[in-house]
Protein backbone atom coordinates (compact mmCIF):
# COMPACT_ATOMS: atom_id res chain seq x y z
CA MET A 1 9.53 13.86 41.70
CA ALA A 2 12.83 15.87 41.59
CA GLY A 3 15.03 15.22 44.60
CA HIS A 4 13.11 12.08 45.55
CA LYS A 5 15.30 8.98 45.88
CA GLU A 6 13.76 5.61 45.16
CA ILE A 7 15.46 2.48 46.43
CA ASP A 8 14.90 -0.83 44.64
CA ALA A 9 13.35 -3.24 47.10
CA VAL A 10 15.11 -6.32 45.72
CA THR A 11 18.70 -5.06 45.39
CA GLY A 12 18.67 -2.14 47.77
CA THR A 13 20.16 0.06 45.02
CA GLU A 14 18.98 3.54 44.16
CA THR A 15 17.19 3.84 40.80
CA THR A 16 17.72 6.50 38.14
CA GLY A 17 14.00 7.18 37.79
CA HIS A 18 13.86 5.68 34.28
CA VAL A 19 11.06 3.16 33.79
CA TRP A 20 10.35 0.87 30.81
CA ASP A 21 7.24 -1.16 30.08
CA GLY A 22 5.56 0.19 33.15
CA ASP A 23 7.59 -1.58 35.84
CA LEU A 24 11.12 -2.17 34.56
CA LYS A 25 13.35 0.30 36.44
CA GLU A 26 17.00 1.20 35.77
CA LEU A 27 19.40 0.87 38.70
CA ASN A 28 21.82 3.72 39.31
CA LYS A 29 25.14 1.87 39.33
CA PRO A 30 28.00 4.20 38.25
CA LEU A 31 31.26 2.90 36.79
CA PRO A 32 33.92 1.78 39.29
CA ARG A 33 36.34 4.53 40.24
CA TRP A 34 39.36 2.51 39.08
CA TRP A 35 37.78 2.28 35.60
CA LEU A 36 37.24 6.03 35.48
CA TYR A 37 40.84 6.66 36.61
CA VAL A 38 42.11 4.43 33.80
CA LEU A 39 39.92 6.34 31.30
CA TYR A 40 41.24 9.70 32.53
CA ALA A 41 44.83 8.41 32.37
CA CYS A 42 44.28 7.27 28.76
CA ILE A 43 42.95 10.72 27.85
CA VAL A 44 45.99 12.37 29.42
CA TRP A 45 48.28 9.87 27.61
CA ALA A 46 46.57 10.57 24.26
CA ILE A 47 47.01 14.33 24.66
CA GLY A 48 50.67 13.84 25.57
CA TYR A 49 51.15 11.53 22.56
CA TRP A 50 49.62 14.11 20.20
CA ILE A 51 52.09 16.68 21.49
CA ALA A 52 55.19 14.49 21.54
CA PHE A 53 54.78 12.32 18.40
CA PRO A 54 53.60 12.82 14.80
CA ALA A 55 49.84 12.53 15.02
CA TRP A 56 47.53 14.87 13.11
CA PRO A 57 47.44 14.67 9.29
CA PHE A 58 47.06 17.78 7.14
CA LEU A 59 46.57 18.22 3.41
CA ASP A 60 50.24 19.13 3.00
CA GLY A 61 51.82 16.97 5.70
CA TYR A 62 51.33 16.18 9.38
CA THR A 63 52.28 17.38 12.85
CA ARG A 64 55.87 16.38 13.57
CA GLY A 65 55.70 16.26 17.38
CA VAL A 66 58.06 17.99 19.80
CA ILE A 67 60.54 15.09 19.87
CA GLY A 68 60.71 14.84 16.05
CA TYR A 69 60.31 11.04 15.96
CA SER A 70 60.12 9.39 12.53
CA GLN A 71 59.53 5.67 12.05
CA ARG A 72 60.92 6.01 8.52
CA ASN A 73 64.19 7.27 9.98
CA GLU A 74 64.25 4.37 12.43
CA VAL A 75 63.80 1.86 9.61
CA ALA A 76 66.57 3.59 7.64
CA LYS A 77 68.88 3.30 10.67
CA ASP A 78 68.06 -0.40 11.04
CA LEU A 79 68.75 -1.03 7.36
CA ALA A 80 72.03 0.86 7.56
CA ALA A 81 73.05 -1.19 10.60
CA ALA A 82 72.14 -4.43 8.80
CA LYS A 83 74.17 -3.44 5.73
CA GLU A 84 77.13 -2.54 7.93
CA SER A 85 76.99 -5.93 9.64
CA GLN A 86 76.88 -7.66 6.25
CA ALA A 87 79.64 -5.58 4.69
CA THR A 88 82.46 -7.88 5.80
CA TYR A 89 80.77 -10.96 4.32
CA LEU A 90 79.83 -9.21 1.09
CA ALA A 91 83.37 -7.93 0.62
CA ALA A 92 84.77 -11.42 1.16
CA ILE A 93 82.32 -12.93 -1.32
CA ALA A 94 83.24 -10.28 -3.89
CA GLU A 95 86.94 -11.13 -3.59
CA ARG A 96 86.67 -14.92 -3.72
CA THR A 97 85.62 -17.42 -6.33
CA PRO A 98 82.51 -19.55 -5.70
CA ALA A 99 84.74 -22.60 -5.15
CA GLU A 100 86.71 -20.72 -2.47
CA ILE A 101 83.50 -19.59 -0.78
CA GLU A 102 82.29 -23.19 -0.54
CA LYS A 103 85.35 -24.03 1.57
CA ASP A 104 84.54 -21.31 4.17
CA SER A 105 81.59 -22.49 6.31
CA SER A 106 80.56 -19.03 7.58
CA LEU A 107 80.77 -17.46 4.13
CA MET A 108 78.95 -20.43 2.64
CA GLU A 109 76.07 -20.10 5.10
CA PHE A 110 75.78 -16.37 4.40
CA ALA A 111 75.86 -16.94 0.63
CA LEU A 112 73.22 -19.68 0.82
CA ARG A 113 70.86 -17.51 2.86
CA GLY A 114 71.41 -14.49 0.62
CA GLY A 115 71.14 -16.57 -2.54
CA GLY A 116 67.95 -18.23 -1.29
CA ALA A 117 66.33 -14.87 -0.63
CA GLN A 118 67.33 -13.57 -4.07
CA PHE A 119 66.12 -16.78 -5.72
CA ALA A 120 62.69 -16.34 -4.12
CA ASN A 121 62.54 -12.74 -5.34
CA ASN A 122 63.87 -13.16 -8.87
CA CYS A 123 63.87 -16.80 -10.00
CA ALA A 124 60.97 -18.58 -8.28
CA PRO A 125 58.27 -17.12 -10.58
CA CYS A 126 59.69 -19.26 -13.43
CA HIS A 127 61.54 -22.10 -11.69
CA GLY A 128 59.22 -22.49 -8.69
CA ARG A 129 59.95 -21.82 -5.01
CA GLY A 130 61.50 -25.27 -4.72
CA ALA A 131 63.36 -24.86 -8.05
CA GLN A 132 61.36 -27.82 -9.33
CA GLY A 133 60.69 -26.10 -12.64
CA PHE A 134 57.65 -26.16 -14.87
CA LYS A 135 57.01 -26.99 -18.50
CA GLY A 136 59.48 -24.85 -20.43
CA TYR A 137 61.39 -23.90 -17.26
CA PRO A 138 64.08 -26.40 -16.18
CA ASN A 139 64.21 -28.24 -12.89
CA LEU A 140 67.32 -27.02 -11.07
CA ASN A 141 67.41 -29.95 -8.64
CA ASP A 142 68.35 -32.62 -11.16
CA ASP A 143 71.70 -33.09 -12.89
CA ASP A 144 70.61 -32.23 -16.41
CA TRP A 145 72.37 -29.02 -17.47
CA LEU A 146 72.25 -27.73 -21.04
CA TRP A 147 75.02 -25.20 -20.45
CA GLY A 148 77.01 -26.80 -17.65
CA GLY A 149 76.38 -27.38 -13.96
CA THR A 150 79.64 -26.28 -12.34
CA LEU A 151 79.63 -23.23 -10.07
CA GLU A 152 81.36 -21.11 -12.69
CA GLU A 153 79.04 -22.27 -15.49
CA ILE A 154 75.91 -21.63 -13.44
CA GLU A 155 77.19 -18.16 -12.54
CA GLN A 156 77.82 -17.43 -16.23
CA THR A 157 74.31 -18.59 -17.18
CA ILE A 158 72.71 -16.40 -14.51
CA ARG A 159 74.80 -13.40 -15.50
CA ASN A 160 74.39 -13.60 -19.26
CA GLY A 161 71.14 -15.50 -19.77
CA ILE A 162 70.07 -17.74 -22.63
CA ARG A 163 69.06 -16.19 -25.96
CA SER A 164 68.67 -12.98 -23.95
CA GLY A 165 70.33 -10.55 -26.35
CA HIS A 166 73.28 -10.08 -23.98
CA SER A 167 76.61 -9.97 -25.78
CA ASP A 168 77.84 -13.04 -23.87
CA SER A 169 74.52 -14.88 -23.77
CA HIS A 170 74.30 -18.60 -24.44
CA GLU A 171 72.93 -18.95 -27.94
CA SER A 172 71.42 -21.92 -29.70
CA ALA A 173 68.62 -22.30 -32.20
CA MET A 174 66.87 -25.54 -32.96
CA PRO A 175 65.45 -25.43 -36.50
CA ARG A 176 61.69 -25.13 -36.92
CA PHE A 177 61.44 -28.28 -38.97
CA GLY A 178 57.70 -28.08 -39.42
CA ILE A 179 57.08 -24.34 -39.64
CA ASP A 180 59.87 -23.92 -42.18
CA GLN A 181 58.71 -27.05 -44.03
CA VAL A 182 62.04 -28.85 -43.68
CA LEU A 183 60.17 -32.01 -42.66
CA THR A 184 56.67 -33.21 -43.43
CA THR A 185 54.15 -34.07 -40.72
CA ALA A 186 54.78 -37.78 -41.30
CA GLN A 187 58.55 -37.31 -41.03
CA ILE A 188 58.14 -35.35 -37.79
CA SER A 189 56.03 -38.19 -36.40
CA ASP A 190 58.69 -40.75 -37.30
CA ALA A 191 61.46 -38.59 -35.83
CA ALA A 192 59.51 -38.23 -32.57
CA THR A 193 59.03 -42.00 -32.40
CA PHE A 194 62.77 -42.52 -32.80
CA VAL A 195 63.62 -39.86 -30.19
CA LEU A 196 61.33 -41.57 -27.69
CA SER A 197 63.03 -44.88 -28.40
CA LEU A 198 66.35 -43.35 -27.33
CA SER A 199 65.05 -43.09 -23.75
CA GLY A 200 63.52 -46.55 -23.76
CA THR A 201 59.96 -45.83 -24.94
CA PRO A 202 59.00 -48.51 -27.47
CA GLY A 203 57.40 -47.60 -30.78
CA ASP A 204 56.56 -49.02 -34.17
CA ALA A 205 59.76 -50.60 -35.50
CA ALA A 206 59.28 -49.30 -39.03
CA ALA A 207 58.65 -45.76 -37.73
CA VAL A 208 61.72 -45.99 -35.51
CA GLU A 209 63.84 -47.04 -38.48
CA ARG A 210 62.54 -44.20 -40.65
CA GLY A 211 62.97 -41.77 -37.76
CA LYS A 212 66.57 -42.82 -37.23
CA ALA A 213 67.42 -41.96 -40.83
CA ILE A 214 65.83 -38.52 -40.36
CA PHE A 215 67.64 -38.04 -37.04
CA ASP A 216 71.02 -38.96 -38.53
CA GLU A 217 70.52 -36.44 -41.32
CA GLN A 218 68.89 -33.55 -39.46
CA CYS A 219 69.57 -33.86 -35.72
CA ALA A 220 72.78 -35.78 -35.02
CA ALA A 221 74.99 -32.78 -35.80
CA CYS A 222 73.82 -31.09 -32.57
CA HIS A 223 72.47 -33.92 -30.41
CA GLY A 224 75.21 -36.35 -31.33
CA PRO A 225 74.90 -39.64 -33.22
CA GLU A 226 73.66 -41.39 -30.06
CA GLY A 227 71.39 -38.53 -29.01
CA LYS A 228 73.33 -37.76 -25.84
CA GLY A 229 73.52 -34.05 -26.57
CA MET A 230 76.32 -31.53 -26.93
CA ARG A 231 76.76 -28.92 -24.23
CA GLU A 232 78.65 -26.52 -26.46
CA MET A 233 75.61 -26.45 -28.76
CA GLY A 234 73.04 -26.25 -25.96
CA ALA A 235 71.56 -29.48 -27.32
CA PRO A 236 69.94 -31.66 -24.64
CA ASN A 237 70.56 -35.30 -23.94
CA LEU A 238 67.66 -37.22 -25.50
CA THR A 239 68.43 -40.51 -23.78
CA ASP A 240 67.84 -39.63 -20.10
CA GLY A 241 64.05 -39.22 -20.11
CA ILE A 242 64.23 -35.60 -18.88
CA TRP A 243 62.11 -33.34 -21.09
CA LEU A 244 61.96 -29.57 -20.79
CA PHE A 245 58.78 -29.19 -22.83
CA GLY A 246 57.18 -32.55 -22.07
CA GLY A 247 57.97 -36.13 -23.02
CA THR A 248 54.81 -37.31 -24.77
CA LYS A 249 54.91 -38.00 -28.48
CA ALA A 250 52.73 -34.95 -29.11
CA ASP A 251 55.08 -32.77 -27.03
CA ILE A 252 58.15 -33.97 -28.92
CA GLU A 253 56.43 -33.53 -32.28
CA GLU A 254 55.62 -29.93 -31.31
CA THR A 255 59.23 -29.35 -30.28
CA ILE A 256 60.48 -30.65 -33.63
CA ARG A 257 57.85 -28.67 -35.51
CA THR A 258 58.40 -25.28 -33.81
CA GLY A 259 61.94 -25.49 -32.38
CA ARG A 260 60.63 -24.01 -29.11
CA GLY A 261 63.59 -21.73 -28.14
CA GLY A 262 62.91 -20.44 -24.62
CA VAL A 263 64.59 -17.32 -23.25
CA MET A 264 66.21 -16.74 -19.86
CA PRO A 265 66.91 -13.09 -19.02
CA ALA A 266 70.43 -11.86 -18.38
CA TRP A 267 70.76 -10.65 -14.79
CA ASP A 268 73.97 -8.77 -15.49
CA GLY A 269 73.21 -5.13 -14.71
CA LYS A 270 69.96 -6.00 -12.94
CA LEU A 271 71.69 -7.70 -10.02
CA ASP A 272 75.12 -6.83 -8.66
CA PRO A 273 78.01 -9.32 -9.10
CA VAL A 274 77.95 -10.42 -5.45
CA THR A 275 74.24 -11.24 -5.62
CA ILE A 276 74.75 -13.22 -8.85
CA LYS A 277 77.58 -15.15 -7.19
CA MET A 278 75.39 -15.97 -4.17
CA LEU A 279 72.61 -17.11 -6.51
CA ALA A 280 75.03 -19.41 -8.33
CA ILE A 281 76.15 -20.92 -5.03
CA TYR A 282 72.53 -21.42 -3.93
CA VAL A 283 71.47 -23.06 -7.20
CA HIS A 284 74.55 -25.28 -7.22
CA ALA A 285 73.80 -26.37 -3.65
CA LEU A 286 70.28 -27.50 -4.54
CA GLY A 287 71.78 -30.85 -5.45
CA GLY A 288 71.96 -30.90 -9.21
CA GLY A 289 75.15 -28.92 -9.71
CA LYS A 290 78.34 -30.72 -10.72
């Protein structure tokens, strides 16, 4: 009945008058006042936020808010401040050679951090995040450098690339002995057996002897008579057991047959000179640079 108050006998609390399943009654227990005050304060805060800050989207934009706040502008300010704080270091790196930078501990630390970040962004997809390399992509932690491992040589390689089409790119071309039918399949097999013997892998003595004759005639001009390579030709050392495209007999046969010929892009024009210099310092510091 309207206006009639019913008190629950067990709890002593007034009921709302709602009943379920015949005898299950709902107690009238309103929210605590403090909770309601917090709710009202949040509503007031939300209305104030809508007025003060960008909030409501439209088809052609959004409300700007009375204070004109823009998170994009804040980020731009932070970036500008970061660039300003780095300007002194970047200018010093631009003026000095990599060898001079290595002698300055603060500059060296800055260059290593900057070079590491750039390596992760630009080089890690091919060389790996740890610069460990993959098949066809050299390991930059060891001391096996086709085109030189000094700071200056590494910087030149990064800047100009390898077989990249850049005017100052490192260029070398191993003949495609199989594709161009310079050697037969049997001769390629013998040559691979001999090449493996140079790094201590035993093979059939007769095949090694035949392979040596082929090597002396076709390969020694670039790799040297002892197979230790020639840096000016971009010809790798075949005696150290480090193989860019794999060191199994099948891998070496494929290298002889096709010539391989990987390409490294030239970063000149894609990255600024200071960034290239920091990359060279970082790569050199990995442990394999000379």
